[in-house]
């Protein structure tokens, strides 16, 4: 899995809660950090309180926790 984003998500249209959920939904411990980083990039320009940012921050925390159970020797934190 790549950390690069689909061009349609970066084309200037507003990021939605559904975009965040579609990225985070199928996450497995093995890919959690890569998905977390993709979501963090997408929500970075959004203002505090934006629904997609709120959902993104929630998913970033969940993915960080999920990555801790990946069996990877590196630290997820």
N, C-alpha and C. Protein backbone atom coordinates (compact mmCIF):
# COMPACT_ATOMS: atom_id res chain seq x y z
N UNK A 1 0.84 -1.17 0.00
CA UNK A 1 0.00 0.00 0.00
C UNK A 1 0.89 1.24 0.00
N UNK A 2 0.52 2.17 -0.79
CA UNK A 2 1.27 3.40 -0.92
C UNK A 2 0.68 4.48 -0.03
N UNK A 3 1.50 5.43 0.33
CA UNK A 3 0.99 6.59 1.07
C UNK A 3 0.59 7.71 0.12
N UNK A 4 0.72 7.49 -1.17
CA UNK A 4 0.28 8.51 -2.12
C UNK A 4 -1.24 8.48 -2.21
N UNK A 5 -1.80 9.61 -2.54
CA UNK A 5 -3.25 9.75 -2.53
C UNK A 5 -3.81 9.72 -3.94
N UNK A 6 -5.06 9.29 -4.03
CA UNK A 6 -5.76 9.31 -5.31
C UNK A 6 -5.88 10.75 -5.79
N UNK A 7 -5.64 10.98 -7.08
CA UNK A 7 -5.72 12.36 -7.60
C UNK A 7 -7.06 13.04 -7.37
N UNK A 8 -8.16 12.30 -7.42
CA UNK A 8 -9.46 12.95 -7.22
C UNK A 8 -9.65 13.47 -5.80
N UNK A 9 -8.93 12.92 -4.83
CA UNK A 9 -9.02 13.43 -3.46
C UNK A 9 -8.17 14.68 -3.28
N UNK A 10 -7.24 14.90 -4.19
CA UNK A 10 -6.36 16.07 -4.08
C UNK A 10 -6.69 17.14 -5.12
N UNK A 11 -7.77 16.98 -5.83
CA UNK A 11 -8.09 17.87 -6.95
C UNK A 11 -8.73 19.19 -6.56
N UNK A 12 -8.71 19.50 -5.30
CA UNK A 12 -9.27 20.78 -4.88
C UNK A 12 -10.67 20.66 -4.32
N UNK A 13 -11.29 19.51 -4.46
CA UNK A 13 -12.62 19.36 -3.87
C UNK A 13 -12.46 19.15 -2.37
N UNK A 14 -13.49 19.47 -1.64
CA UNK A 14 -13.44 19.36 -0.19
C UNK A 14 -13.45 17.90 0.25
N UNK A 15 -12.61 17.60 1.21
CA UNK A 15 -12.54 16.25 1.78
C UNK A 15 -13.78 16.04 2.63
N UNK A 16 -14.37 14.86 2.53
CA UNK A 16 -15.59 14.56 3.27
C UNK A 16 -15.35 13.49 4.32
N UNK A 17 -16.32 13.35 5.22
CA UNK A 17 -16.28 12.28 6.22
C UNK A 17 -16.25 10.93 5.51
N UNK A 18 -16.98 10.80 4.42
CA UNK A 18 -16.98 9.54 3.66
C UNK A 18 -15.61 9.22 3.10
N UNK A 19 -14.85 10.23 2.67
CA UNK A 19 -13.48 9.99 2.20
C UNK A 19 -12.64 9.38 3.32
N UNK A 20 -12.75 9.94 4.49
CA UNK A 20 -11.98 9.46 5.64
C UNK A 20 -12.39 8.03 5.99
N UNK A 21 -13.67 7.80 6.03
CA UNK A 21 -14.16 6.46 6.38
C UNK A 21 -13.79 5.42 5.33
N UNK A 22 -13.77 5.81 4.06
CA UNK A 22 -13.40 4.85 3.02
C UNK A 22 -11.93 4.47 3.11
N UNK A 23 -11.10 5.37 3.58
CA UNK A 23 -9.69 5.04 3.78
C UNK A 23 -9.48 4.20 5.03
N UNK A 24 -10.12 4.57 6.11
CA UNK A 24 -9.86 3.93 7.40
C UNK A 24 -10.59 2.60 7.57
N UNK A 25 -11.71 2.45 6.93
CA UNK A 25 -12.54 1.27 7.13
C UNK A 25 -11.83 -0.07 6.96
N UNK A 26 -11.12 -0.28 5.85
CA UNK A 26 -10.51 -1.60 5.62
C UNK A 26 -9.13 -1.76 6.24
N UNK A 27 -8.76 -0.90 7.16
CA UNK A 27 -7.41 -0.93 7.73
C UNK A 27 -7.12 -2.22 8.48
N UNK A 28 -5.94 -2.72 8.28
CA UNK A 28 -5.43 -3.86 9.04
C UNK A 28 -4.23 -3.37 9.83
N UNK A 29 -3.84 -4.09 10.86
CA UNK A 29 -2.68 -3.64 11.64
C UNK A 29 -1.43 -3.40 10.77
N UNK A 30 -1.24 -4.23 9.77
CA UNK A 30 -0.04 -4.13 8.93
C UNK A 30 0.02 -2.80 8.16
N UNK A 31 -1.13 -2.29 7.72
CA UNK A 31 -1.16 -1.07 6.91
C UNK A 31 -1.65 0.16 7.68
N UNK A 32 -1.89 0.02 8.96
CA UNK A 32 -2.49 1.10 9.75
C UNK A 32 -1.66 2.39 9.72
N UNK A 33 -0.36 2.29 9.80
CA UNK A 33 0.47 3.51 9.82
C UNK A 33 0.43 4.24 8.49
N UNK A 34 0.43 3.50 7.39
CA UNK A 34 0.36 4.14 6.08
C UNK A 34 -0.98 4.84 5.88
N UNK A 35 -2.05 4.18 6.29
CA UNK A 35 -3.38 4.80 6.16
C UNK A 35 -3.48 6.00 7.09
N UNK A 36 -2.96 5.87 8.29
CA UNK A 36 -2.96 6.99 9.23
C UNK A 36 -2.27 8.21 8.61
N UNK A 37 -1.13 8.00 7.97
CA UNK A 37 -0.39 9.10 7.36
C UNK A 37 -1.16 9.73 6.20
N UNK A 38 -1.85 8.91 5.41
CA UNK A 38 -2.66 9.44 4.31
C UNK A 38 -3.78 10.31 4.85
N UNK A 39 -4.44 9.85 5.90
CA UNK A 39 -5.53 10.63 6.49
C UNK A 39 -5.00 11.92 7.08
N UNK A 40 -3.87 11.86 7.77
CA UNK A 40 -3.29 13.07 8.37
C UNK A 40 -2.99 14.12 7.31
N UNK A 41 -2.49 13.70 6.14
CA UNK A 41 -2.22 14.65 5.05
C UNK A 41 -3.50 15.27 4.52
N UNK A 42 -4.54 14.45 4.41
CA UNK A 42 -5.81 14.96 3.88
C UNK A 42 -6.46 15.97 4.81
N UNK A 43 -6.38 15.75 6.10
CA UNK A 43 -7.09 16.65 7.03
C UNK A 43 -6.26 17.85 7.47
N UNK A 44 -4.96 17.83 7.19
CA UNK A 44 -4.09 18.92 7.65
C UNK A 44 -4.59 20.32 7.27
N UNK A 45 -5.06 20.54 6.04
CA UNK A 45 -5.50 21.90 5.71
C UNK A 45 -6.90 22.26 6.20
N UNK A 46 -7.63 21.30 6.74
CA UNK A 46 -9.00 21.58 7.17
C UNK A 46 -9.01 22.32 8.51
N UNK A 47 -9.97 23.22 8.69
CA UNK A 47 -10.03 23.97 9.96
C UNK A 47 -10.50 23.07 11.11
N UNK A 48 -10.13 23.44 12.31
CA UNK A 48 -10.60 22.73 13.50
C UNK A 48 -12.12 22.74 13.52
N UNK A 49 -12.69 21.63 13.90
CA UNK A 49 -14.14 21.53 13.95
C UNK A 49 -14.80 21.08 12.66
N UNK A 50 -14.05 21.05 11.56
CA UNK A 50 -14.60 20.56 10.30
C UNK A 50 -14.96 19.10 10.49
N UNK A 51 -16.14 18.66 10.05
CA UNK A 51 -16.55 17.27 10.28
C UNK A 51 -15.55 16.22 9.78
N UNK A 52 -14.94 16.45 8.62
CA UNK A 52 -13.95 15.49 8.10
C UNK A 52 -12.68 15.50 8.95
N UNK A 53 -12.33 16.66 9.48
CA UNK A 53 -11.14 16.72 10.34
C UNK A 53 -11.40 16.00 11.67
N UNK A 54 -12.57 16.22 12.24
CA UNK A 54 -12.93 15.55 13.49
C UNK A 54 -12.89 14.04 13.30
N UNK A 55 -13.51 13.54 12.24
CA UNK A 55 -13.50 12.11 11.96
C UNK A 55 -12.08 11.63 11.66
N UNK A 56 -11.32 12.43 10.93
CA UNK A 56 -9.94 12.07 10.62
C UNK A 56 -9.08 11.94 11.87
N UNK A 57 -9.23 12.87 12.79
CA UNK A 57 -8.46 12.81 14.04
C UNK A 57 -8.83 11.58 14.85
N UNK A 58 -10.12 11.24 14.85
CA UNK A 58 -10.57 10.04 15.55
C UNK A 58 -9.97 8.79 14.90
N UNK A 59 -9.95 8.77 13.59
CA UNK A 59 -9.41 7.61 12.87
C UNK A 59 -7.89 7.53 13.02
N UNK A 60 -7.20 8.66 13.04
CA UNK A 60 -5.74 8.67 13.25
C UNK A 60 -5.42 8.02 14.59
N UNK A 61 -6.16 8.38 15.63
CA UNK A 61 -5.94 7.78 16.95
C UNK A 61 -6.21 6.28 16.92
N UNK A 62 -7.30 5.88 16.26
CA UNK A 62 -7.65 4.47 16.18
C UNK A 62 -6.59 3.68 15.41
N UNK A 63 -6.11 4.24 14.32
CA UNK A 63 -5.11 3.56 13.50
C UNK A 63 -3.76 3.46 14.22
N UNK A 64 -3.42 4.47 14.99
CA UNK A 64 -2.19 4.41 15.78
C UNK A 64 -2.27 3.26 16.77
N UNK A 65 -3.42 3.12 17.41
CA UNK A 65 -3.63 2.01 18.34
C UNK A 65 -3.62 0.67 17.61
N UNK A 66 -4.27 0.61 16.47
CA UNK A 66 -4.31 -0.63 15.69
C UNK A 66 -2.90 -1.06 15.27
N UNK A 67 -2.07 -0.11 14.90
CA UNK A 67 -0.70 -0.41 14.46
C UNK A 67 0.13 -1.01 15.59
N UNK A 68 -0.22 -0.70 16.82
CA UNK A 68 0.52 -1.24 17.97
C UNK A 68 0.34 -2.76 18.06
N UNK A 69 -0.65 -3.28 17.35
CA UNK A 69 -0.92 -4.72 17.40
C UNK A 69 -0.50 -5.43 16.11
N UNK A 70 0.38 -4.80 15.36
CA UNK A 70 0.76 -5.35 14.05
C UNK A 70 1.82 -6.42 14.12
N UNK A 71 2.52 -6.51 15.24
CA UNK A 71 3.63 -7.44 15.34
C UNK A 71 4.91 -6.88 14.73
N UNK A 72 4.83 -5.64 14.23
CA UNK A 72 6.02 -4.98 13.68
C UNK A 72 6.97 -4.59 14.80
N UNK A 73 8.26 -4.73 14.60
CA UNK A 73 9.21 -4.36 15.65
C UNK A 73 9.35 -2.86 15.88
N UNK A 74 8.98 -2.06 14.89
CA UNK A 74 9.09 -0.60 15.04
C UNK A 74 7.95 -0.07 15.87
N UNK A 75 8.16 1.08 16.44
CA UNK A 75 7.15 1.69 17.29
C UNK A 75 6.15 2.44 16.44
N UNK A 76 4.87 2.34 16.76
CA UNK A 76 3.82 3.05 16.05
C UNK A 76 3.60 4.43 16.64
N UNK A 77 4.25 4.74 17.70
CA UNK A 77 3.99 6.02 18.39
C UNK A 77 5.10 6.99 18.28
